[in-house]
Amino acid sequence: MTVFVDHQERRNTILEHAFELFAEEGYNGVTYQKIADRCHISRTSIYKYFKDKDQIFIFAIKQSTDKISELLKRVLNRHDLTTVDKIRRALHLTVKLFSENRIFLSVILNYLMNQKQTGANIRRKVRRHTFGLKIFLSRLIQEAVLNRQFRPVNPDLVTAQLYAILESYVLNLTVMEMMDWKDCLQLMNFCLDEYVTEKPGNTRKR
């Protein structure tokens, strides 16, 4: 009797369990055998989908960033929100998701530092997984300027400013643990309020 295997589902299962292990034990603490044991499959089965642990880790990160992308698409398609509200909502969801995955972010930071020590170009690795969010924010800010919800500004510079706050939050979250996610949002909203032309009291939906 032939057993049908949904390869995409199995691939996703491997990534989900690997994500859990990386969060629990860090990059160096996870082995192929541990991933196989968590998935209840053989090591050779995993090799059918991923060539090595590094590839699994990279795809686990991609799976996480894809979740952010999906959330951002939903925000973009909401017609009940102004462009400024969409920006605030997108930042809220991103910061909240980061706060819920603090341990995995710590693992990513540790992984990047290890990669840097080996001479790898970590700037390219980081840019590959953050480029989408920056483009999303820049386009919304540009739209807000065109709609006169923002005063005339350079969208790329405002995006860089917001992203610097987000990066600072990730550093605090993973290393110093000195900034609460609500404090991060308050700082971002303070930044946005400098550019918004709407009157105070307008919708700021969450």
N, C-alpha and C. Protein backbone atom coordinates (compact mmCIF):
# COMPACT_ATOMS: atom_id res chain seq x y z
N MET A 1 0.84 -1.20 0.00
CA MET A 1 0.00 0.00 0.00
C MET A 1 0.88 1.26 0.00
N THR A 2 0.63 2.14 -0.94
CA THR A 2 1.41 3.36 -1.07
C THR A 2 0.96 4.40 -0.06
N VAL A 3 1.94 4.96 0.66
CA VAL A 3 1.63 5.99 1.64
C VAL A 3 1.93 7.36 1.03
N PHE A 4 0.91 8.18 0.93
CA PHE A 4 1.08 9.52 0.37
C PHE A 4 1.66 10.46 1.41
N VAL A 5 2.70 11.18 1.04
CA VAL A 5 3.34 12.13 1.94
C VAL A 5 3.19 13.53 1.36
N ASP A 6 2.60 14.42 2.14
CA ASP A 6 2.49 15.82 1.74
C ASP A 6 3.83 16.47 2.07
N HIS A 7 4.67 16.63 1.06
CA HIS A 7 6.04 17.09 1.29
C HIS A 7 6.10 18.54 1.80
N GLN A 8 5.18 19.38 1.32
CA GLN A 8 5.17 20.76 1.80
C GLN A 8 4.79 20.81 3.27
N GLU A 9 3.81 19.99 3.65
CA GLU A 9 3.40 19.94 5.05
C GLU A 9 4.54 19.41 5.93
N ARG A 10 5.23 18.39 5.46
CA ARG A 10 6.34 17.84 6.23
C ARG A 10 7.46 18.87 6.35
N ARG A 11 7.73 19.58 5.28
CA ARG A 11 8.76 20.62 5.29
C ARG A 11 8.42 21.69 6.32
N ASN A 12 7.16 22.11 6.34
CA ASN A 12 6.71 23.12 7.31
C ASN A 12 6.80 22.59 8.73
N THR A 13 6.48 21.32 8.91
CA THR A 13 6.55 20.70 10.24
C THR A 13 7.98 20.70 10.76
N ILE A 14 8.92 20.35 9.87
CA ILE A 14 10.34 20.34 10.24
C ILE A 14 10.77 21.74 10.68
N LEU A 15 10.35 22.75 9.92
CA LEU A 15 10.73 24.12 10.24
C LEU A 15 10.13 24.58 11.57
N GLU A 16 8.88 24.24 11.80
CA GLU A 16 8.21 24.64 13.04
C GLU A 16 8.88 24.02 14.27
N HIS A 17 9.19 22.73 14.19
CA HIS A 17 9.85 22.06 15.31
C HIS A 17 11.29 22.55 15.48
N ALA A 18 11.96 22.80 14.36
CA ALA A 18 13.32 23.32 14.42
C ALA A 18 13.32 24.70 15.06
N PHE A 19 12.32 25.52 14.71
CA PHE A 19 12.17 26.86 15.30
C PHE A 19 12.08 26.75 16.81
N GLU A 20 11.28 25.81 17.30
CA GLU A 20 11.11 25.60 18.73
C GLU A 20 12.45 25.22 19.38
N LEU A 21 13.17 24.31 18.73
CA LEU A 21 14.45 23.85 19.27
C LEU A 21 15.49 24.96 19.31
N PHE A 22 15.56 25.74 18.23
CA PHE A 22 16.52 26.85 18.19
C PHE A 22 16.23 27.84 19.31
N ALA A 23 14.94 28.08 19.55
CA ALA A 23 14.54 29.00 20.62
C ALA A 23 14.89 28.45 21.99
N GLU A 24 14.79 27.12 22.15
CA GLU A 24 15.05 26.48 23.44
C GLU A 24 16.54 26.30 23.73
N GLU A 25 17.31 25.92 22.69
CA GLU A 25 18.69 25.50 22.93
C GLU A 25 19.74 26.32 22.21
N GLY A 26 19.30 27.29 21.39
CA GLY A 26 20.27 28.08 20.65
C GLY A 26 20.75 27.34 19.42
N TYR A 27 21.39 28.08 18.51
CA TYR A 27 21.82 27.49 17.25
C TYR A 27 22.81 26.35 17.46
N ASN A 28 23.82 26.57 18.30
CA ASN A 28 24.86 25.56 18.50
C ASN A 28 24.36 24.33 19.24
N GLY A 29 23.30 24.48 20.01
CA GLY A 29 22.80 23.36 20.80
C GLY A 29 21.90 22.41 20.03
N VAL A 30 21.51 22.81 18.83
CA VAL A 30 20.59 21.99 18.04
C VAL A 30 21.37 21.13 17.04
N THR A 31 21.01 19.86 16.96
CA THR A 31 21.61 18.95 16.00
C THR A 31 20.54 18.39 15.07
N TYR A 32 20.98 17.79 13.99
CA TYR A 32 20.04 17.14 13.07
C TYR A 32 19.24 16.07 13.79
N GLN A 33 19.93 15.33 14.68
CA GLN A 33 19.25 14.25 15.38
C GLN A 33 18.16 14.79 16.29
N LYS A 34 18.43 15.91 16.97
CA LYS A 34 17.41 16.51 17.84
C LYS A 34 16.20 16.97 17.03
N ILE A 35 16.45 17.53 15.86
CA ILE A 35 15.34 17.96 15.02
C ILE A 35 14.54 16.75 14.57
N ALA A 36 15.24 15.69 14.18
CA ALA A 36 14.56 14.46 13.74
C ALA A 36 13.72 13.87 14.86
N ASP A 37 14.30 13.84 16.06
CA ASP A 37 13.57 13.29 17.21
C ASP A 37 12.32 14.10 17.51
N ARG A 38 12.43 15.43 17.44
CA ARG A 38 11.28 16.29 17.71
C ARG A 38 10.19 16.09 16.65
N CYS A 39 10.60 15.82 15.41
CA CYS A 39 9.64 15.64 14.32
C CYS A 39 9.16 14.19 14.20
N HIS A 40 9.79 13.29 14.96
CA HIS A 40 9.44 11.86 14.91
C HIS A 40 9.67 11.27 13.52
N ILE A 41 10.77 11.69 12.91
CA ILE A 41 11.17 11.12 11.63
C ILE A 41 12.68 10.85 11.68
N SER A 42 13.19 10.17 10.67
CA SER A 42 14.62 9.84 10.64
C SER A 42 15.45 11.02 10.14
N ARG A 43 16.74 11.00 10.47
CA ARG A 43 17.64 12.05 10.00
C ARG A 43 17.70 12.07 8.48
N THR A 44 17.72 10.88 7.86
CA THR A 44 17.79 10.82 6.40
C THR A 44 16.58 11.47 5.74
N SER A 45 15.44 11.42 6.42
CA SER A 45 14.24 12.05 5.88
C SER A 45 14.40 13.57 5.81
N ILE A 46 15.07 14.13 6.83
CA ILE A 46 15.27 15.58 6.85
C ILE A 46 16.19 16.01 5.71
N TYR A 47 17.19 15.17 5.38
CA TYR A 47 18.11 15.51 4.30
C TYR A 47 17.41 15.61 2.95
N LYS A 48 16.23 15.04 2.84
CA LYS A 48 15.48 15.14 1.60
C LYS A 48 14.95 16.56 1.37
N TYR A 49 14.87 17.31 2.48
CA TYR A 49 14.28 18.66 2.41
C TYR A 49 15.30 19.77 2.64
N PHE A 50 16.31 19.50 3.45
CA PHE A 50 17.32 20.52 3.77
C PHE A 50 18.71 19.89 3.75
N LYS A 51 19.66 20.60 3.19
CA LYS A 51 21.00 20.03 3.04
C LYS A 51 21.82 20.07 4.32
N ASP A 52 21.53 21.05 5.21
CA ASP A 52 22.27 21.12 6.46
C ASP A 52 21.49 21.96 7.48
N LYS A 53 22.03 22.02 8.69
CA LYS A 53 21.36 22.75 9.78
C LYS A 53 21.26 24.24 9.49
N ASP A 54 22.29 24.78 8.84
CA ASP A 54 22.29 26.21 8.53
C ASP A 54 21.12 26.56 7.62
N GLN A 55 20.86 25.70 6.65
CA GLN A 55 19.74 25.95 5.73
C GLN A 55 18.40 25.89 6.48
N ILE A 56 18.28 24.95 7.40
CA ILE A 56 17.05 24.86 8.21
C ILE A 56 16.86 26.14 9.00
N PHE A 57 17.94 26.64 9.59
CA PHE A 57 17.86 27.85 10.41
C PHE A 57 17.45 29.06 9.57
N ILE A 58 18.07 29.19 8.38
CA ILE A 58 17.75 30.30 7.49
C ILE A 58 16.28 30.26 7.07
N PHE A 59 15.79 29.06 6.76
CA PHE A 59 14.40 28.92 6.35
C PHE A 59 13.45 29.14 7.54
N ALA A 60 13.90 28.79 8.76
CA ALA A 60 13.09 29.05 9.95
C ALA A 60 12.93 30.56 10.15
N ILE A 61 14.00 31.30 9.89
CA ILE A 61 13.93 32.76 9.97
C ILE A 61 12.98 33.29 8.90
N LYS A 62 13.10 32.74 7.70
CA LYS A 62 12.23 33.17 6.60
C LYS A 62 10.77 32.90 6.94
N GLN A 63 10.51 31.77 7.57
CA GLN A 63 9.13 31.44 7.95
C GLN A 63 8.59 32.49 8.93
N SER A 64 9.47 32.95 9.82
CA SER A 64 9.07 33.96 10.79
C SER A 64 8.81 35.31 10.10
N THR A 65 9.70 35.69 9.18
CA THR A 65 9.52 36.96 8.47
C THR A 65 8.32 36.90 7.54
N ASP A 66 8.01 35.70 7.04
CA ASP A 66 6.82 35.55 6.18
C ASP A 66 5.55 35.84 6.98
N LYS A 67 5.57 35.50 8.28
CA LYS A 67 4.41 35.78 9.12
C LYS A 67 4.21 37.29 9.23
N ILE A 68 5.31 38.02 9.37
CA ILE A 68 5.22 39.47 9.42
C ILE A 68 4.67 40.01 8.10
N SER A 69 5.18 39.46 6.99
CA SER A 69 4.72 39.90 5.67
C SER A 69 3.23 39.68 5.50
N GLU A 70 2.75 38.55 5.97
CA GLU A 70 1.32 38.23 5.86
C GLU A 70 0.48 39.21 6.69
N LEU A 71 0.97 39.52 7.89
CA LEU A 71 0.27 40.49 8.73
C LEU A 71 0.23 41.87 8.08
N LEU A 72 1.34 42.25 7.46
CA LEU A 72 1.41 43.55 6.81
C LEU A 72 0.46 43.63 5.61
N LYS A 73 0.35 42.53 4.87
CA LYS A 73 -0.57 42.51 3.74
C LYS A 73 -2.02 42.71 4.20
N ARG A 74 -2.35 42.09 5.33
CA ARG A 74 -3.71 42.25 5.86
C ARG A 74 -3.97 43.69 6.25
N VAL A 75 -2.97 44.33 6.84
CA VAL A 75 -3.10 45.74 7.21
C VAL A 75 -3.28 46.59 5.96
N LEU A 76 -2.50 46.30 4.94
CA LEU A 76 -2.55 47.06 3.70
C LEU A 76 -3.91 46.99 3.04
N ASN A 77 -4.59 45.87 3.20
CA ASN A 77 -5.89 45.65 2.55
C ASN A 77 -7.07 46.13 3.38
N ARG A 78 -6.81 46.71 4.54
CA ARG A 78 -7.91 47.21 5.37
C ARG A 78 -8.33 48.60 4.88
N HIS A 79 -9.57 48.69 4.44
CA HIS A 79 -10.08 49.95 3.89
C HIS A 79 -10.68 50.85 4.97
N ASP A 80 -10.77 50.34 6.20
CA ASP A 80 -11.32 51.15 7.28
C ASP A 80 -10.25 51.97 7.98
N LEU A 81 -9.01 51.84 7.55
CA LEU A 81 -7.91 52.57 8.17
C LEU A 81 -7.34 53.62 7.24
N THR A 82 -6.94 54.74 7.79
CA THR A 82 -6.22 55.74 7.01
C THR A 82 -4.80 55.22 6.79
N THR A 83 -4.07 55.89 5.91
CA THR A 83 -2.69 55.46 5.66
C THR A 83 -1.85 55.56 6.92
N VAL A 84 -2.05 56.62 7.69
CA VAL A 84 -1.30 56.79 8.93
C VAL A 84 -1.65 55.68 9.92
N ASP A 85 -2.93 55.34 9.99
CA ASP A 85 -3.36 54.25 10.87
C ASP A 85 -2.72 52.92 10.45
N LYS A 86 -2.58 52.73 9.14
CA LYS A 86 -1.95 51.50 8.65
C LYS A 86 -0.49 51.43 9.09
N ILE A 87 0.18 52.56 9.05
CA ILE A 87 1.58 52.61 9.49
C ILE A 87 1.67 52.25 10.97
N ARG A 88 0.81 52.87 11.77
CA ARG A 88 0.82 52.60 13.21
C ARG A 88 0.48 51.14 13.49
N ARG A 89 -0.51 50.63 12.79
CA ARG A 89 -0.94 49.25 12.99
C ARG A 89 0.16 48.27 12.60
N ALA A 90 0.83 48.54 11.48
CA ALA A 90 1.92 47.67 11.02
C ALA A 90 3.06 47.64 12.04
N LEU A 91 3.40 48.79 12.58
CA LEU A 91 4.46 48.86 13.59
C LEU A 91 4.05 48.14 14.87
N HIS A 92 2.78 48.31 15.24
CA HIS A 92 2.26 47.65 16.44
C HIS A 92 2.38 46.13 16.30
N LEU A 93 1.96 45.58 15.18
CA LEU A 93 1.98 44.14 14.97
C LEU A 93 3.41 43.61 14.93
N THR A 94 4.30 44.36 14.28
CA THR A 94 5.69 43.93 14.19
C THR A 94 6.35 43.89 15.55
N VAL A 95 6.18 44.95 16.33
CA VAL A 95 6.79 45.02 17.66
C VAL A 95 6.20 43.94 18.57
N LYS A 96 4.89 43.73 18.49
CA LYS A 96 4.25 42.71 19.31
C LYS A 96 4.77 41.31 18.95
N LEU A 97 4.94 41.05 17.67
CA LEU A 97 5.45 39.75 17.23
C LEU A 97 6.89 39.55 17.71
N PHE A 98 7.67 40.59 17.66
CA PHE A 98 9.05 40.51 18.15
C PHE A 98 9.06 40.19 19.64
N SER A 99 8.18 40.86 20.39
CA SER A 99 8.16 40.66 21.84
C SER A 99 7.76 39.23 22.19
N GLU A 100 6.95 38.61 21.35
CA GLU A 100 6.50 37.24 21.59
C GLU A 100 7.55 36.21 21.18
N ASN A 101 8.57 36.66 20.45
CA ASN A 101 9.61 35.74 19.98
C ASN A 101 10.99 36.22 20.43
N ARG A 102 11.05 36.72 21.66
CA ARG A 102 12.31 37.28 22.18
C ARG A 102 13.44 36.26 22.17
N ILE A 103 13.14 35.04 22.60
CA ILE A 103 14.20 34.02 22.70
C ILE A 103 14.77 33.70 21.32
N PHE A 104 13.88 33.56 20.33
CA PHE A 104 14.37 33.25 18.99
C PHE A 104 15.18 34.41 18.43
N LEU A 105 14.79 35.63 18.73
CA LEU A 105 15.57 36.79 18.29
C LEU A 105 16.96 36.76 18.90
N SER A 106 17.05 36.31 20.16
CA SER A 106 18.34 36.18 20.83
C SER A 106 19.21 35.15 20.11
N VAL A 107 18.58 34.06 19.68
CA VAL A 107 19.29 33.02 18.95
C VAL A 107 19.81 33.57 17.62
N ILE A 108 18.98 34.36 16.94
CA ILE A 108 19.39 34.96 15.66
C ILE A 108 20.57 35.89 15.87
N LEU A 109 20.51 36.70 16.92
CA LEU A 109 21.61 37.63 17.22
C LEU A 109 22.89 36.86 17.48
N ASN A 110 22.79 35.79 18.26
CA ASN A 110 23.96 34.96 18.56
C ASN A 110 24.51 34.33 17.27
N TYR A 111 23.60 33.87 16.42
CA TYR A 111 23.99 33.25 15.15
C TYR A 111 24.74 34.26 14.27
N LEU A 112 24.21 35.48 14.19
CA LEU A 112 24.85 36.50 13.36
C LEU A 112 26.24 36.86 13.88
N MET A 113 26.39 36.92 15.19
CA MET A 113 27.70 37.23 15.77
C MET A 113 28.70 36.12 15.47
N ASN A 114 28.23 34.87 15.53
CA ASN A 114 29.10 33.74 15.18
C ASN A 114 29.49 33.78 13.72
N GLN A 115 28.52 34.14 12.87
CA GLN A 115 28.79 34.24 11.44
C GLN A 115 29.80 35.35 11.15
N LYS A 116 29.68 36.45 11.88
CA LYS A 116 30.60 37.57 11.69
C LYS A 116 32.02 37.16 12.02
N GLN A 117 32.17 36.35 13.06
CA GLN A 117 33.49 35.89 13.46
C GLN A 117 34.14 35.00 12.41
N THR A 118 33.30 34.35 11.59
CA THR A 118 33.83 33.49 10.52
C THR A 118 34.11 34.29 9.25
N GLY A 119 33.80 35.60 9.28
CA GLY A 119 34.06 36.44 8.12
C GLY A 119 32.89 36.56 7.16
N ALA A 120 31.73 36.01 7.55
CA ALA A 120 30.55 36.07 6.68
C ALA A 120 30.01 37.49 6.60
N ASN A 121 29.36 37.81 5.50
CA ASN A 121 28.76 39.13 5.30
C ASN A 121 27.38 39.16 5.95
N ILE A 122 27.33 39.51 7.24
CA ILE A 122 26.05 39.47 7.95
C ILE A 122 25.14 40.62 7.52
N ARG A 123 25.72 41.69 7.00
CA ARG A 123 24.88 42.81 6.54
C ARG A 123 23.96 42.35 5.43
N ARG A 124 24.49 41.53 4.52
CA ARG A 124 23.67 41.01 3.43
C ARG A 124 22.59 40.08 3.95
N LYS A 125 22.94 39.25 4.96
CA LYS A 125 21.97 38.33 5.54
C LYS A 125 20.82 39.08 6.19
N VAL A 126 21.17 40.13 6.95
CA VAL A 126 20.15 40.92 7.63
C VAL A 126 19.29 41.66 6.63
N ARG A 127 19.91 42.26 5.62
CA ARG A 127 19.17 43.03 4.62
C ARG A 127 18.16 42.15 3.88
N ARG A 128 18.55 40.89 3.62
CA ARG A 128 17.68 39.99 2.88
C ARG A 128 16.37 39.73 3.61
N HIS A 129 16.42 39.75 4.95
CA HIS A 129 15.22 39.42 5.73
C HIS A 129 14.47 40.66 6.24
N THR A 130 15.04 41.84 6.03
CA THR A 130 14.38 43.05 6.53
C THR A 130 13.95 43.99 5.40
N PHE A 131 14.40 43.70 4.18
CA PHE A 131 14.14 44.59 3.06
C PHE A 131 12.65 44.82 2.83
N GLY A 132 11.85 43.74 2.96
CA GLY A 132 10.42 43.84 2.70
C GLY A 132 9.71 44.81 3.62
N LEU A 133 10.05 44.78 4.91
CA LEU A 133 9.42 45.68 5.88
C LEU A 133 9.78 47.13 5.58
N LYS A 134 11.02 47.38 5.21
CA LYS A 134 11.44 48.75 4.91
C LYS A 134 10.71 49.29 3.68
N ILE A 135 10.57 48.45 2.66
CA ILE A 135 9.86 48.87 1.45
C ILE A 135 8.40 49.16 1.77
N PHE A 136 7.79 48.30 2.60
CA PHE A 136 6.40 48.46 3.00
C PHE A 136 6.19 49.80 3.69
N LEU A 137 7.03 50.10 4.67
CA LEU A 137 6.90 51.35 5.41
C LEU A 137 7.16 52.56 4.53
N SER A 138 8.18 52.49 3.69
CA SER A 138 8.52 53.61 2.82
C SER A 138 7.38 53.94 1.87
N ARG A 139 6.72 52.90 1.32
CA ARG A 139 5.61 53.13 0.39
C ARG A 139 4.41 53.74 1.10
N LEU A 140 4.13 53.27 2.32
CA LEU A 140 3.01 53.84 3.06
C LEU A 140 3.27 55.29 3.44
N ILE A 141 4.50 55.58 3.83
CA ILE A 141 4.85 56.96 4.19
C ILE A 141 4.75 57.87 2.97
N GLN A 142 5.20 57.36 1.83
CA GLN A 142 5.08 58.13 0.59
C GLN A 142 3.61 58.39 0.27
N GLU A 143 2.77 57.38 0.47
CA GLU A 143 1.33 57.52 0.24
C GLU A 143 0.72 58.55 1.19
N ALA A 144 1.18 58.53 2.45
CA ALA A 144 0.68 59.49 3.45
C ALA A 144 1.05 60.91 3.06
N VAL A 145 2.23 61.08 2.48
CA VAL A 145 2.66 62.41 2.03
C VAL A 145 1.78 62.87 0.86
N LEU A 146 1.54 61.97 -0.08
CA LEU A 146 0.70 62.31 -1.25
C LEU A 146 -0.73 62.62 -0.83
N ASN A 147 -1.21 61.92 0.21
CA ASN A 147 -2.56 62.16 0.71
C ASN A 147 -2.65 63.34 1.67
N ARG A 148 -1.50 63.96 1.91
CA ARG A 148 -1.38 65.10 2.83
C ARG A 148 -1.74 64.73 4.26
N GLN A 149 -1.59 63.45 4.60
CA GLN A 149 -1.73 63.03 5.99
C GLN A 149 -0.39 63.20 6.73
N PHE A 150 0.69 63.27 5.93
CA PHE A 150 2.03 63.60 6.42
C PHE A 150 2.45 64.91 5.78
N ARG A 151 3.19 65.71 6.52
CA ARG A 151 3.79 66.88 5.90
C ARG A 151 4.89 66.40 4.95
N PRO A 152 5.35 67.23 4.00
CA PRO A 152 6.36 66.80 3.03
C PRO A 152 7.64 66.32 3.72
N VAL A 153 7.98 65.06 3.53
CA VAL A 153 9.17 64.47 4.12
C VAL A 153 9.77 63.48 3.13
N ASN A 154 10.98 63.09 3.39
CA ASN A 154 11.64 62.05 2.60
C ASN A 154 11.22 60.69 3.19
N PRO A 155 10.44 59.90 2.47
CA PRO A 155 9.95 58.61 3.00
C PRO A 155 11.07 57.69 3.47
N ASP A 156 12.18 57.66 2.74
CA ASP A 156 13.28 56.77 3.11
C ASP A 156 13.92 57.18 4.44
N LEU A 157 14.01 58.50 4.67
CA LEU A 157 14.61 58.97 5.93
C LEU A 157 13.70 58.66 7.12
N VAL A 158 12.39 58.85 6.94
CA VAL A 158 11.45 58.54 8.02
C VAL A 158 11.46 57.04 8.29
N THR A 159 11.51 56.24 7.23
CA THR A 159 11.59 54.79 7.38
C THR A 159 12.84 54.40 8.16
N ALA A 160 13.96 55.02 7.82
CA ALA A 160 15.22 54.74 8.51
C ALA A 160 15.12 55.10 10.00
N GLN A 161 14.43 56.21 10.29
CA GLN A 161 14.25 56.64 11.67
C GLN A 161 13.42 55.62 12.46
N LEU A 162 12.31 55.20 11.86
CA LEU A 162 11.45 54.21 12.52
C LEU A 162 12.17 52.88 12.68
N TYR A 163 12.92 52.51 11.66
CA TYR A 163 13.63 51.24 11.71
C TYR A 163 14.75 51.26 12.75
N ALA A 164 15.36 52.42 12.94
CA ALA A 164 16.40 52.54 13.96
C ALA A 164 15.80 52.30 15.35
N ILE A 165 14.57 52.79 15.56
CA ILE A 165 13.88 52.56 16.83
C ILE A 165 13.59 51.07 16.99
N LEU A 166 13.16 50.44 15.90
CA LEU A 166 12.86 49.01 15.94
C LEU A 166 14.11 48.19 16.23
N GLU A 167 15.22 48.56 15.62
CA GLU A 167 16.48 47.85 15.86
C GLU A 167 16.93 48.04 17.30
N SER A 168 16.74 49.26 17.82
CA SER A 168 17.09 49.54 19.21
C SER A 168 16.25 48.67 20.15
N TYR A 169 14.98 48.51 19.79
CA TYR A 169 14.10 47.68 20.61
C TYR A 169 14.55 46.22 20.61
N VAL A 170 14.92 45.72 19.44
CA VAL A 170 15.40 44.33 19.34
C VAL A 170 16.65 44.14 20.20
N LEU A 171 17.56 45.12 20.16
CA LEU A 171 18.77 45.05 20.98
C LEU A 171 18.43 45.04 22.46
N ASN A 172 17.51 45.92 22.85
CA ASN A 172 17.07 45.95 24.25
C ASN A 172 16.37 44.66 24.65
N LEU A 173 15.56 44.15 23.74
CA LEU A 173 14.78 42.96 24.01
C LEU A 173 15.67 41.73 24.21
N THR A 174 16.72 41.63 23.40
CA THR A 174 17.55 40.43 23.41
C THR A 174 18.76 40.51 24.33
N VAL A 175 19.23 41.72 24.61
CA VAL A 175 20.46 41.86 25.39
C VAL A 175 20.23 42.52 26.75
N MET A 176 19.66 43.72 26.72
CA MET A 176 19.56 44.50 27.96
C MET A 176 18.22 44.36 28.68
N GLU A 177 17.18 44.03 27.93
CA GLU A 177 15.84 43.89 28.48
C GLU A 177 15.42 45.12 29.29
N MET A 178 15.64 46.30 28.69
CA MET A 178 15.34 47.55 29.38
C MET A 178 14.16 48.30 28.77
N MET A 179 13.64 47.80 27.63
CA MET A 179 12.54 48.51 26.97
C MET A 179 11.35 47.58 26.78
N ASP A 180 10.22 47.99 27.29
CA ASP A 180 8.98 47.24 27.09
C ASP A 180 8.44 47.53 25.69
N TRP A 181 7.69 46.58 25.11
CA TRP A 181 7.18 46.78 23.76
C TRP A 181 6.25 47.98 23.68
N LYS A 182 5.56 48.28 24.78
CA LYS A 182 4.66 49.44 24.79
C LYS A 182 5.48 50.73 24.76
N ASP A 183 6.64 50.71 25.41
CA ASP A 183 7.52 51.88 25.38
C ASP A 183 8.04 52.12 23.97
N CYS A 184 8.35 51.02 23.27
CA CYS A 184 8.82 51.12 21.89
C CYS A 184 7.75 51.74 21.01
N LEU A 185 6.52 51.29 21.16
CA LEU A 185 5.42 51.84 20.37
C LEU A 185 5.18 53.31 20.68
N GLN A 186 5.29 53.65 21.95
CA GLN A 186 5.11 55.05 22.36
C GLN A 186 6.16 55.93 21.68
N LEU A 187 7.39 55.43 21.62
CA LEU A 187 8.47 56.17 20.98
C LEU A 187 8.22 56.32 19.47
N MET A 188 7.75 55.24 18.85
CA MET A 188 7.45 55.29 17.42
C MET A 188 6.29 56.25 17.12
N ASN A 189 5.26 56.21 17.96
CA ASN A 189 4.13 57.12 17.77
C ASN A 189 4.54 58.57 17.97
N PHE A 190 5.44 58.81 18.90
CA PHE A 190 5.96 60.16 19.13
C PHE A 190 6.69 60.64 17.88
N CYS A 191 7.45 59.73 17.27
CA CYS A 191 8.16 60.05 16.04
C CYS A 191 7.17 60.36 14.92
N LEU A 192 6.15 59.52 14.76
CA LEU A 192 5.16 59.72 13.70
C LEU A 192 4.39 61.02 13.88
N ASP A 193 4.08 61.36 15.13
CA ASP A 193 3.30 62.56 15.42
C ASP A 193 4.01 63.83 14.94
N GLU A 194 5.32 63.75 14.76
CA GLU A 194 6.08 64.91 14.27
C GLU A 194 5.79 65.19 12.80
N TYR A 195 5.30 64.18 12.11
CA TYR A 195 5.06 64.31 10.67
C TYR A 195 3.59 64.36 10.30
N VAL A 196 2.74 63.87 11.17
CA VAL A 196 1.31 63.78 10.86
C VAL A 196 0.66 65.15 10.81
N THR A 197 -0.18 65.34 9.81
CA THR A 197 -0.88 66.63 9.68
C THR A 197 -2.30 66.54 10.23
N GLU A 198 -2.73 65.32 10.60
CA GLU A 198 -4.07 65.15 11.15
C GLU A 198 -4.17 65.84 12.50
N LYS A 199 -5.36 66.24 12.87
CA LYS A 199 -5.57 66.85 14.16
C LYS A 199 -5.55 65.79 15.26
N PRO A 200 -5.07 66.13 16.46
CA PRO A 200 -5.06 65.18 17.57
C PRO A 200 -6.48 64.65 17.82
N GLY A 201 -6.57 63.39 18.16
CA GLY A 201 -7.87 62.80 18.45
C GLY A 201 -8.43 62.00 17.31
N ASN A 202 -7.75 62.07 16.14
CA ASN A 202 -8.18 61.25 15.03
C ASN A 202 -7.94 59.78 15.33
N THR A 203 -8.49 58.90 14.54
CA THR A 203 -8.40 57.46 14.82
C THR A 203 -6.96 57.00 14.89
N ARG A 204 -6.72 56.17 15.88
CA ARG A 204 -5.42 55.51 16.03
C ARG A 204 -5.72 54.08 16.44
N LYS A 205 -6.21 53.30 15.50
CA LYS A 205 -6.74 51.98 15.80
C LYS A 205 -5.60 51.00 16.03
N ARG A 206 -5.92 50.02 16.91
CA ARG A 206 -4.95 48.97 17.25
C ARG A 206 -5.53 47.62 16.93
